[in-house]
Amino acid sequence: VLLILFNFGVGLLLPWLKFRPSELMAMGAMMLTGG
């Protein structure tokens, strides 16, 4: 959801808000561990 809604959706309107792939990997690792 973060990737589709935020990175693709908001990233089209405000490209400076897009997360870099390395940031997405860090957040994904945090969520997988927390889950």
Full PDB file with SEQRES, HELIX, SHEET, SSBOND, CRYST1, ORIGX, SCALE, CONECT and MASTER records, all heavy atoms in Angstrom:
SEQRES   1 A   35  VAL LEU LEU ILE LEU PHE ASN PHE GLY VAL GLY LEU LEU          
SEQRES   2 A   35  LEU PRO TRP LEU LYS PHE ARG PRO SER GLU LEU MET ALA          
SEQRES   3 A   35  MET GLY ALA MET MET LEU THR GLY GLY                          
HELIX    1 AA1 LEU A    2  VAL A   10  3                                   9    
HELIX    2 AA2 GLY A   11  LEU A   13  1                                   3    
HELIX    3 AA3 PRO A   15  LEU A   17  5                                   3    
HELIX    4 AA4 PRO A   21  GLY A   34  1                                  14    
CRYST1    1.000    1.000    1.000  90.00  90.00  90.00 P 1           1          
ORIGX1      1.000000  0.000000  0.000000        0.00000                         
ORIGX2      0.000000  1.000000  0.000000        0.00000                         
ORIGX3      0.000000  0.000000  1.000000        0.00000                         
SCALE1      1.000000  0.000000  0.000000        0.00000                         
SCALE2      0.000000  1.000000  0.000000        0.00000                         
SCALE3      0.000000  0.000000  1.000000        0.00000                         
ATOM      1  N   VAL A   1       0.838  -1.204   0.000  1.00  0.00           N  
ATOM      2  CA  VAL A   1       0.000   0.000   0.000  1.00  0.00           C  
ATOM      3  C   VAL A   1       0.870   1.251   0.000  1.00  0.00           C  
ATOM      4  O   VAL A   1       0.599   2.211  -0.727  1.00  0.00           O  
ATOM      5  CB  VAL A   1      -0.970  -0.016   1.203  1.00  0.00           C  
ATOM      6  CG1 VAL A   1      -1.629   1.327   1.403  1.00  0.00           C  
ATOM      7  CG2 VAL A   1      -2.007  -1.099   1.010  1.00  0.00           C  
ATOM      8  N   LEU A   2       1.939   1.234   0.800  1.00  0.00           N  
ATOM      9  CA  LEU A   2       2.855   2.367   0.832  1.00  0.00           C  
ATOM     10  C   LEU A   2       3.481   2.591  -0.534  1.00  0.00           C  
ATOM     11  O   LEU A   2       3.572   3.721  -1.010  1.00  0.00           O  
ATOM     12  CB  LEU A   2       3.945   2.132   1.882  1.00  0.00           C  
ATOM     13  CG  LEU A   2       5.036   3.185   1.977  1.00  0.00           C  
ATOM     14  CD1 LEU A   2       4.487   4.454   2.604  1.00  0.00           C  
ATOM     15  CD2 LEU A   2       6.203   2.665   2.773  1.00  0.00           C  
ATOM     16  N   LEU A   3       3.868   1.533  -1.183  1.00  0.00           N  
ATOM     17  CA  LEU A   3       4.500   1.647  -2.495  1.00  0.00           C  
ATOM     18  C   LEU A   3       3.520   2.146  -3.539  1.00  0.00           C  
ATOM     19  O   LEU A   3       3.824   3.085  -4.290  1.00  0.00           O  
ATOM     20  CB  LEU A   3       5.072   0.289  -2.916  1.00  0.00           C  
ATOM     21  CG  LEU A   3       5.742   0.232  -4.284  1.00  0.00           C  
ATOM     22  CD1 LEU A   3       7.027   1.040  -4.261  1.00  0.00           C  
ATOM     23  CD2 LEU A   3       6.022  -1.185  -4.680  1.00  0.00           C  
ATOM     24  N   ILE A   4       2.335   1.564  -3.605  1.00  0.00           N  
ATOM     25  CA  ILE A   4       1.374   1.928  -4.642  1.00  0.00           C  
ATOM     26  C   ILE A   4       0.762   3.302  -4.385  1.00  0.00           C  
ATOM     27  O   ILE A   4       0.808   4.193  -5.237  1.00  0.00           O  
ATOM     28  CB  ILE A   4       0.255   0.863  -4.751  1.00  0.00           C  
ATOM     29  CG1 ILE A   4       0.832  -0.464  -5.211  1.00  0.00           C  
ATOM     30  CG2 ILE A   4      -0.855   1.317  -5.686  1.00  0.00           C  
ATOM     31  CD1 ILE A   4       1.490  -0.430  -6.573  1.00  0.00           C  
ATOM     32  N   LEU A   5       0.197   3.494  -3.201  1.00  0.00           N  
ATOM     33  CA  LEU A   5      -0.504   4.748  -2.941  1.00  0.00           C  
ATOM     34  C   LEU A   5       0.444   5.930  -2.788  1.00  0.00           C  
ATOM     35  O   LEU A   5       0.207   6.997  -3.348  1.00  0.00           O  
ATOM     36  CB  LEU A   5      -1.373   4.624  -1.688  1.00  0.00           C  
ATOM     37  CG  LEU A   5      -2.570   3.711  -1.783  1.00  0.00           C  
ATOM     38  CD1 LEU A   5      -3.348   3.726  -0.485  1.00  0.00           C  
ATOM     39  CD2 LEU A   5      -3.464   4.101  -2.934  1.00  0.00           C  
ATOM     40  N   PHE A   6       1.500   5.732  -2.022  1.00  0.00           N  
ATOM     41  CA  PHE A   6       2.354   6.877  -1.737  1.00  0.00           C  
ATOM     42  C   PHE A   6       3.372   7.117  -2.843  1.00  0.00           C  
ATOM     43  O   PHE A   6       3.421   8.189  -3.426  1.00  0.00           O  
ATOM     44  CB  PHE A   6       3.071   6.706  -0.395  1.00  0.00           C  
ATOM     45  CG  PHE A   6       3.731   7.971   0.054  1.00  0.00           C  
ATOM     46  CD1 PHE A   6       2.998   8.940   0.692  1.00  0.00           C  
ATOM     47  CD2 PHE A   6       5.066   8.199  -0.198  1.00  0.00           C  
ATOM     48  CE1 PHE A   6       3.589  10.124   1.092  1.00  0.00           C  
ATOM     49  CE2 PHE A   6       5.672   9.372   0.192  1.00  0.00           C  
ATOM     50  CZ  PHE A   6       4.933  10.336   0.838  1.00  0.00           C  
ATOM     51  N   ASN A   7       4.183   6.116  -3.125  1.00  0.00           N  
ATOM     52  CA  ASN A   7       5.272   6.359  -4.075  1.00  0.00           C  
ATOM     53  C   ASN A   7       4.763   6.643  -5.482  1.00  0.00           C  
ATOM     54  O   ASN A   7       5.281   7.526  -6.152  1.00  0.00           O  
ATOM     55  CB  ASN A   7       6.242   5.189  -4.080  1.00  0.00           C  
ATOM     56  CG  ASN A   7       7.541   5.540  -3.393  1.00  0.00           C  
ATOM     57  OD1 ASN A   7       7.608   6.501  -2.638  1.00  0.00           O  
ATOM     58  ND2 ASN A   7       8.556   4.760  -3.650  1.00  0.00           N  
ATOM     59  N   PHE A   8       3.787   5.897  -5.936  1.00  0.00           N  
ATOM     60  CA  PHE A   8       3.296   6.136  -7.288  1.00  0.00           C  
ATOM     61  C   PHE A   8       2.263   7.252  -7.332  1.00  0.00           C  
ATOM     62  O   PHE A   8       2.279   8.092  -8.219  1.00  0.00           O  
ATOM     63  CB  PHE A   8       2.720   4.857  -7.889  1.00  0.00           C  
ATOM     64  CG  PHE A   8       3.753   3.796  -8.129  1.00  0.00           C  
ATOM     65  CD1 PHE A   8       3.436   2.472  -7.938  1.00  0.00           C  
ATOM     66  CD2 PHE A   8       5.035   4.111  -8.526  1.00  0.00           C  
ATOM     67  CE1 PHE A   8       4.380   1.482  -8.154  1.00  0.00           C  
ATOM     68  CE2 PHE A   8       5.982   3.129  -8.739  1.00  0.00           C  
ATOM     69  CZ  PHE A   8       5.652   1.812  -8.554  1.00  0.00           C  
ATOM     70  N   GLY A   9       1.361   7.262  -6.361  1.00  0.00           N  
ATOM     71  CA  GLY A   9       0.302   8.269  -6.359  1.00  0.00           C  
ATOM     72  C   GLY A   9       0.786   9.663  -6.013  1.00  0.00           C  
ATOM     73  O   GLY A   9       0.670  10.597  -6.803  1.00  0.00           O  
ATOM     74  N   VAL A  10       1.331   9.808  -4.819  1.00  0.00           N  
ATOM     75  CA  VAL A  10       1.804  11.122  -4.376  1.00  0.00           C  
ATOM     76  C   VAL A  10       3.073  11.512  -5.137  1.00  0.00           C  
ATOM     77  O   VAL A  10       3.312  12.683  -5.399  1.00  0.00           O  
ATOM     78  CB  VAL A  10       2.041  11.116  -2.848  1.00  0.00           C  
ATOM     79  CG1 VAL A  10       2.637  12.416  -2.371  1.00  0.00           C  
ATOM     80  CG2 VAL A  10       0.747  10.851  -2.124  1.00  0.00           C  
ATOM     81  N   GLY A  11       3.871  10.519  -5.501  1.00  0.00           N  
ATOM     82  CA  GLY A  11       5.106  10.797  -6.233  1.00  0.00           C  
ATOM     83  C   GLY A  11       4.883  11.427  -7.589  1.00  0.00           C  
ATOM     84  O   GLY A  11       5.749  12.138  -8.100  1.00  0.00           O  
ATOM     85  N   LEU A  12       3.731  11.193  -8.196  1.00  0.00           N  
ATOM     86  CA  LEU A  12       3.423  11.841  -9.468  1.00  0.00           C  
ATOM     87  C   LEU A  12       3.163  13.332  -9.286  1.00  0.00           C  
ATOM     88  O   LEU A  12       3.526  14.143 -10.131  1.00  0.00           O  
ATOM     89  CB  LEU A  12       2.206  11.181 -10.125  1.00  0.00           C  
ATOM     90  CG  LEU A  12       2.419   9.784 -10.680  1.00  0.00           C  
ATOM     91  CD1 LEU A  12       1.093   9.203 -11.152  1.00  0.00           C  
ATOM     92  CD2 LEU A  12       3.425   9.807 -11.802  1.00  0.00           C  
ATOM     93  N   LEU A  13       2.513  13.670  -8.171  1.00  0.00           N  
ATOM     94  CA  LEU A  13       2.199  15.077  -7.909  1.00  0.00           C  
ATOM     95  C   LEU A  13       3.368  15.823  -7.278  1.00  0.00           C  
ATOM     96  O   LEU A  13       3.649  16.965  -7.637  1.00  0.00           O  
ATOM     97  CB  LEU A  13       0.973  15.174  -6.999  1.00  0.00           C  
ATOM     98  CG  LEU A  13      -0.303  14.529  -7.533  1.00  0.00           C  
ATOM     99  CD1 LEU A  13      -1.375  14.531  -6.464  1.00  0.00           C  
ATOM    100  CD2 LEU A  13      -0.766  15.241  -8.781  1.00  0.00           C  
ATOM    101  N   LEU A  14       4.018  15.197  -6.324  1.00  0.00           N  
ATOM    102  CA  LEU A  14       5.134  15.811  -5.597  1.00  0.00           C  
ATOM    103  C   LEU A  14       6.324  14.857  -5.632  1.00  0.00           C  
ATOM    104  O   LEU A  14       6.541  14.077  -4.698  1.00  0.00           O  
ATOM    105  CB  LEU A  14       4.739  16.095  -4.148  1.00  0.00           C  
ATOM    106  CG  LEU A  14       3.495  16.954  -3.951  1.00  0.00           C  
ATOM    107  CD1 LEU A  14       3.033  16.907  -2.520  1.00  0.00           C  
ATOM    108  CD2 LEU A  14       3.762  18.374  -4.385  1.00  0.00           C  
ATOM    109  N   PRO A  15       7.136  14.889  -6.681  1.00  0.00           N  
ATOM    110  CA  PRO A  15       8.204  13.897  -6.831  1.00  0.00           C  
ATOM    111  C   PRO A  15       9.267  13.959  -5.738  1.00  0.00           C  
ATOM    112  O   PRO A  15       9.942  12.968  -5.479  1.00  0.00           O  
ATOM    113  CB  PRO A  15       8.814  14.209  -8.200  1.00  0.00           C  
ATOM    114  CG  PRO A  15       8.129  15.390  -8.729  1.00  0.00           C  
ATOM    115  CD  PRO A  15       7.033  15.779  -7.812  1.00  0.00           C  
ATOM    116  N   TRP A  16       9.407  15.078  -5.062  1.00  0.00           N  
ATOM    117  CA  TRP A  16      10.425  15.175  -4.019  1.00  0.00           C  
ATOM    118  C   TRP A  16      10.027  14.415  -2.760  1.00  0.00           C  
ATOM    119  O   TRP A  16      10.844  14.171  -1.884  1.00  0.00           O  
ATOM    120  CB  TRP A  16      10.717  16.638  -3.693  1.00  0.00           C  
ATOM    121  CG  TRP A  16       9.499  17.436  -3.331  1.00  0.00           C  
ATOM    122  CD1 TRP A  16       8.642  18.069  -4.181  1.00  0.00           C  
ATOM    123  CD2 TRP A  16       8.990  17.658  -2.022  1.00  0.00           C  
ATOM    124  NE1 TRP A  16       7.631  18.667  -3.476  1.00  0.00           N  
ATOM    125  CE2 TRP A  16       7.828  18.444  -2.140  1.00  0.00           C  
ATOM    126  CE3 TRP A  16       9.401  17.287  -0.755  1.00  0.00           C  
ATOM    127  CZ2 TRP A  16       7.079  18.844  -1.053  1.00  0.00           C  
ATOM    128  CZ3 TRP A  16       8.652  17.691   0.329  1.00  0.00           C  
ATOM    129  CH2 TRP A  16       7.507  18.470   0.168  1.00  0.00           C  
ATOM    130  N   LEU A  17       8.760  13.981  -2.660  1.00  0.00           N  
ATOM    131  CA  LEU A  17       8.308  13.201  -1.507  1.00  0.00           C  
ATOM    132  C   LEU A  17       8.482  11.697  -1.692  1.00  0.00           C  
ATOM    133  O   LEU A  17       8.295  10.943  -0.744  1.00  0.00           O  
ATOM    134  CB  LEU A  17       6.829  13.480  -1.229  1.00  0.00           C  
ATOM    135  CG  LEU A  17       6.505  14.727  -0.430  1.00  0.00           C  
ATOM    136  CD1 LEU A  17       5.004  14.885  -0.289  1.00  0.00           C  
ATOM    137  CD2 LEU A  17       7.163  14.703   0.919  1.00  0.00           C  
ATOM    138  N   LYS A  18       8.815  11.261  -2.889  1.00  0.00           N  
ATOM    139  CA  LYS A  18       8.954   9.829  -3.145  1.00  0.00           C  
ATOM    140  C   LYS A  18      10.061   9.239  -2.288  1.00  0.00           C  
ATOM    141  O   LYS A  18      11.084   9.849  -2.044  1.00  0.00           O  
ATOM    142  CB  LYS A  18       9.295   9.577  -4.613  1.00  0.00           C  
ATOM    143  CG  LYS A  18       8.138   9.734  -5.552  1.00  0.00           C  
ATOM    144  CD  LYS A  18       8.556   9.502  -6.970  1.00  0.00           C  
ATOM    145  CE  LYS A  18       8.865   8.044  -7.195  1.00  0.00           C  
ATOM    146  NZ  LYS A  18       9.030   7.734  -8.622  1.00  0.00           N  
ATOM    147  N   PHE A  19       9.829   8.017  -1.816  1.00  0.00           N  
ATOM    148  CA  PHE A  19      10.857   7.300  -1.083  1.00  0.00           C  
ATOM    149  C   PHE A  19      11.821   6.655  -2.066  1.00  0.00           C  
ATOM    150  O   PHE A  19      11.421   6.146  -3.114  1.00  0.00           O  
ATOM    151  CB  PHE A  19      10.242   6.210  -0.201  1.00  0.00           C  
ATOM    152  CG  PHE A  19       9.506   6.740   0.985  1.00  0.00           C  
ATOM    153  CD1 PHE A  19       8.138   6.619   1.067  1.00  0.00           C  
ATOM    154  CD2 PHE A  19      10.179   7.360   2.014  1.00  0.00           C  
ATOM    155  CE1 PHE A  19       7.449   7.093   2.158  1.00  0.00           C  
ATOM    156  CE2 PHE A  19       9.506   7.845   3.115  1.00  0.00           C  
ATOM    157  CZ  PHE A  19       8.139   7.714   3.187  1.00  0.00           C  
ATOM    158  N   ARG A  20      13.091   6.655  -1.714  1.00  0.00           N  
ATOM    159  CA  ARG A  20      14.095   5.960  -2.507  1.00  0.00           C  
ATOM    160  C   ARG A  20      13.974   4.462  -2.254  1.00  0.00           C  
ATOM    161  O   ARG A  20      13.434   4.047  -1.227  1.00  0.00           O  
ATOM    162  CB  ARG A  20      15.499   6.447  -2.138  1.00  0.00           C  
ATOM    163  CG  ARG A  20      15.731   7.894  -2.476  1.00  0.00           C  
ATOM    164  CD  ARG A  20      17.199   8.272  -2.335  1.00  0.00           C  
ATOM    165  NE  ARG A  20      17.806   7.780  -1.113  1.00  0.00           N  
ATOM    166  CZ  ARG A  20      17.990   8.516  -0.021  1.00  0.00           C  
ATOM    167  NH1 ARG A  20      17.612   9.763   0.009  1.00  0.00           N  
ATOM    168  NH2 ARG A  20      18.557   7.995   1.046  1.00  0.00           N  
ATOM    169  N   PRO A  21      14.445   3.625  -3.172  1.00  0.00           N  
ATOM    170  CA  PRO A  21      14.358   2.176  -2.952  1.00  0.00           C  
ATOM    171  C   PRO A  21      15.044   1.727  -1.666  1.00  0.00           C  
ATOM    172  O   PRO A  21      14.564   0.816  -0.989  1.00  0.00           O  
ATOM    173  CB  PRO A  21      15.040   1.580  -4.185  1.00  0.00           C  
ATOM    174  CG  PRO A  21      14.860   2.613  -5.239  1.00  0.00           C  
ATOM    175  CD  PRO A  21      14.907   3.934  -4.538  1.00  0.00           C  
ATOM    176  N   SER A  22      16.150   2.364  -1.307  1.00  0.00           N  
ATOM    177  CA  SER A  22      16.830   1.977  -0.073  1.00  0.00           C  
ATOM    178  C   SER A  22      15.983   2.311   1.155  1.00  0.00           C  
ATOM    179  O   SER A  22      15.982   1.562   2.133  1.00  0.00           O  
ATOM    180  CB  SER A  22      18.190   2.672   0.013  1.00  0.00           C  
ATOM    181  OG  SER A  22      18.032   4.075  -0.023  1.00  0.00           O  
ATOM    182  N   GLU A  23      15.238   3.404   1.109  1.00  0.00           N  
ATOM    183  CA  GLU A  23      14.350   3.745   2.216  1.00  0.00           C  
ATOM    184  C   GLU A  23      13.197   2.742   2.306  1.00  0.00           C  
ATOM    185  O   GLU A  23      12.801   2.338   3.403  1.00  0.00           O  
ATOM    186  CB  GLU A  23      13.795   5.155   2.051  1.00  0.00           C  
ATOM    187  CG  GLU A  23      14.818   6.244   2.212  1.00  0.00           C  
ATOM    188  CD  GLU A  23      14.259   7.614   1.899  1.00  0.00           C  
ATOM    189  OE1 GLU A  23      13.483   7.749   0.929  1.00  0.00           O  
ATOM    190  OE2 GLU A  23      14.608   8.549   2.626  1.00  0.00           O  
ATOM    191  N   LEU A  24      12.660   2.342   1.164  1.00  0.00           N  
ATOM    192  CA  LEU A  24      11.582   1.351   1.155  1.00  0.00           C  
ATOM    193  C   LEU A  24      12.061   0.012   1.704  1.00  0.00           C  
ATOM    194  O   LEU A  24      11.329  -0.670   2.424  1.00  0.00           O  
ATOM    195  CB  LEU A  24      11.026   1.180  -0.258  1.00  0.00           C  
ATOM    196  CG  LEU A  24      10.179   2.329  -0.781  1.00  0.00           C  
ATOM    197  CD1 LEU A  24       9.909   2.147  -2.265  1.00  0.00           C  
ATOM    198  CD2 LEU A  24       8.880   2.431  -0.010  1.00  0.00           C  
ATOM    199  N   MET A  25      13.300  -0.358   1.383  1.00  0.00           N  
ATOM    200  CA  MET A  25      13.842  -1.611   1.911  1.00  0.00           C  
ATOM    201  C   MET A  25      14.010  -1.534   3.422  1.00  0.00           C  
ATOM    202  O   MET A  25      13.716  -2.498   4.138  1.00  0.00           O  
ATOM    203  CB  MET A  25      15.174  -1.943   1.248  1.00  0.00           C  
ATOM    204  CG  MET A  25      15.035  -2.402  -0.173  1.00  0.00           C  
ATOM    205  SD  MET A  25      16.533  -3.071  -0.899  1.00  0.00           S  
ATOM    206  CE  MET A  25      17.700  -1.773  -0.670  1.00  0.00           C  
ATOM    207  N   ALA A  26      14.476  -0.393   3.931  1.00  0.00           N  
ATOM    208  CA  ALA A  26      14.645  -0.236   5.376  1.00  0.00           C  
ATOM    209  C   ALA A  26      13.299  -0.289   6.083  1.00  0.00           C  
ATOM    210  O   ALA A  26      13.144  -0.963   7.112  1.00  0.00           O  
ATOM    211  CB  ALA A  26      15.368   1.078   5.674  1.00  0.00           C  
ATOM    212  N   MET A  27      12.291   0.416   5.538  1.00  0.00           N  
ATOM    213  CA  MET A  27      10.963   0.398   6.155  1.00  0.00           C  
ATOM    214  C   MET A  27      10.341  -0.992   6.055  1.00  0.00           C  
ATOM    215  O   MET A  27       9.670  -1.447   6.984  1.00  0.00           O  
ATOM    216  CB  MET A  27      10.061   1.438   5.489  1.00  0.00           C  
ATOM    217  CG  MET A  27      10.443   2.852   5.824  1.00  0.00           C  
ATOM    218  SD  MET A  27       9.307   4.070   5.178  1.00  0.00           S  
ATOM    219  CE  MET A  27       9.606   3.942   3.430  1.00  0.00           C  
ATOM    220  N   GLY A  28      10.546  -1.678   4.941  1.00  0.00           N  
ATOM    221  CA  GLY A  28      10.024  -3.032   4.790  1.00  0.00           C  
ATOM    222  C   GLY A  28      10.639  -3.988   5.795  1.00  0.00           C  
ATOM    223  O   GLY A  28       9.944  -4.819   6.379  1.00  0.00           O  
ATOM    224  N   ALA A  29      11.936  -3.871   6.010  1.00  0.00           N  
ATOM    225  CA  ALA A  29      12.597  -4.731   6.999  1.00  0.00           C  
ATOM    226  C   ALA A  29      12.081  -4.442   8.400  1.00  0.00           C  
ATOM    227  O   ALA A  29      11.873  -5.358   9.204  1.00  0.00           O  
ATOM    228  CB  ALA A  29      14.104  -4.522   6.933  1.00  0.00           C  
ATOM    229  N   MET A  30      11.847  -3.161   8.695  1.00  0.00           N  
ATOM    230  CA  MET A  30      11.300  -2.809  10.011  1.00  0.00           C  
ATOM    231  C   MET A  30       9.907  -3.393  10.197  1.00  0.00           C  
ATOM    232  O   MET A  30       9.596  -3.946  11.258  1.00  0.00           O  
ATOM    233  CB  MET A  30      11.256  -1.289  10.159  1.00  0.00           C  
ATOM    234  CG  MET A  30      12.596  -0.639  10.302  1.00  0.00           C  
ATOM    235  SD  MET A  30      12.506   1.153  10.292  1.00  0.00           S  
ATOM    236  CE  MET A  30      11.685   1.467  11.846  1.00  0.00           C  
ATOM    237  N   MET A  31       9.056  -3.296   9.169  1.00  0.00           N  
ATOM    238  CA  MET A  31       7.687  -3.803   9.287  1.00  0.00           C  
ATOM    239  C   MET A  31       7.659  -5.326   9.340  1.00  0.00           C  
ATOM    240  O   MET A  31       6.858  -5.900  10.068  1.00  0.00           O  
ATOM    241  CB  MET A  31       6.831  -3.300   8.125  1.00  0.00           C  
ATOM    242  CG  MET A  31       6.455  -1.854   8.257  1.00  0.00           C  
ATOM    243  SD  MET A  31       5.239  -1.342   7.052  1.00  0.00           S  
ATOM    244  CE  MET A  31       6.111  -1.582   5.520  1.00  0.00           C  
ATOM    245  N   LEU A  32       8.495  -5.992   8.563  1.00  0.00           N  
ATOM    246  CA  LEU A  32       8.525  -7.455   8.596  1.00  0.00           C  
ATOM    247  C   LEU A  32       8.968  -7.956   9.966  1.00  0.00           C  
ATOM    248  O   LEU A  32       8.432  -8.930  10.482  1.00  0.00           O  
ATOM    249  CB  LEU A  32       9.442  -7.994   7.503  1.00  0.00           C  
ATOM    250  CG  LEU A  32       8.926  -7.835   6.078  1.00  0.00           C  
ATOM    251  CD1 LEU A  32       9.998  -8.236   5.078  1.00  0.00           C  
ATOM    252  CD2 LEU A  32       7.672  -8.647   5.869  1.00  0.00           C  
ATOM    253  N   THR A  33       9.930  -7.260  10.563  1.00  0.00           N  
ATOM    254  CA  THR A  33      10.380  -7.647  11.893  1.00  0.00           C  
ATOM    255  C   THR A  33       9.315  -7.341  12.929  1.00  0.00           C  
ATOM    256  O   THR A  33       9.021  -8.153  13.807  1.00  0.00           O  
ATOM    257  CB  THR A  33      11.683  -6.909  12.243  1.00  0.00           C  
ATOM    258  OG1 THR A  33      12.657  -7.171  11.236  1.00  0.00           O  
ATOM    259  CG2 THR A  33      12.210  -7.350  13.591  1.00  0.00           C  
ATOM    260  N   GLY A  34       8.708  -6.163  12.828  1.00  0.00           N  
ATOM    261  CA  GLY A  34       7.647  -5.792  13.769  1.00  0.00           C  
ATOM    262  C   GLY A  34       6.419  -6.659  13.645  1.00  0.00           C  
ATOM    263  O   GLY A  34       5.764  -6.980  14.633  1.00  0.00           O  
ATOM    264  N   GLY A  35       6.076  -7.059  12.427  1.00  0.00           N  
ATOM    265  CA  GLY A  35       4.925  -7.932  12.226  1.00  0.00           C  
ATOM    266  C   GLY A  35       5.164  -9.335  12.766  1.00  0.00           C  
ATOM    267  O   GLY A  35       4.239  -9.984  13.248  1.00  0.00           O  
TER     268      GLY A  35                                                      
MASTER        0    0    0    4    0    0    0    6  267    1    0    3          
END                                                                             
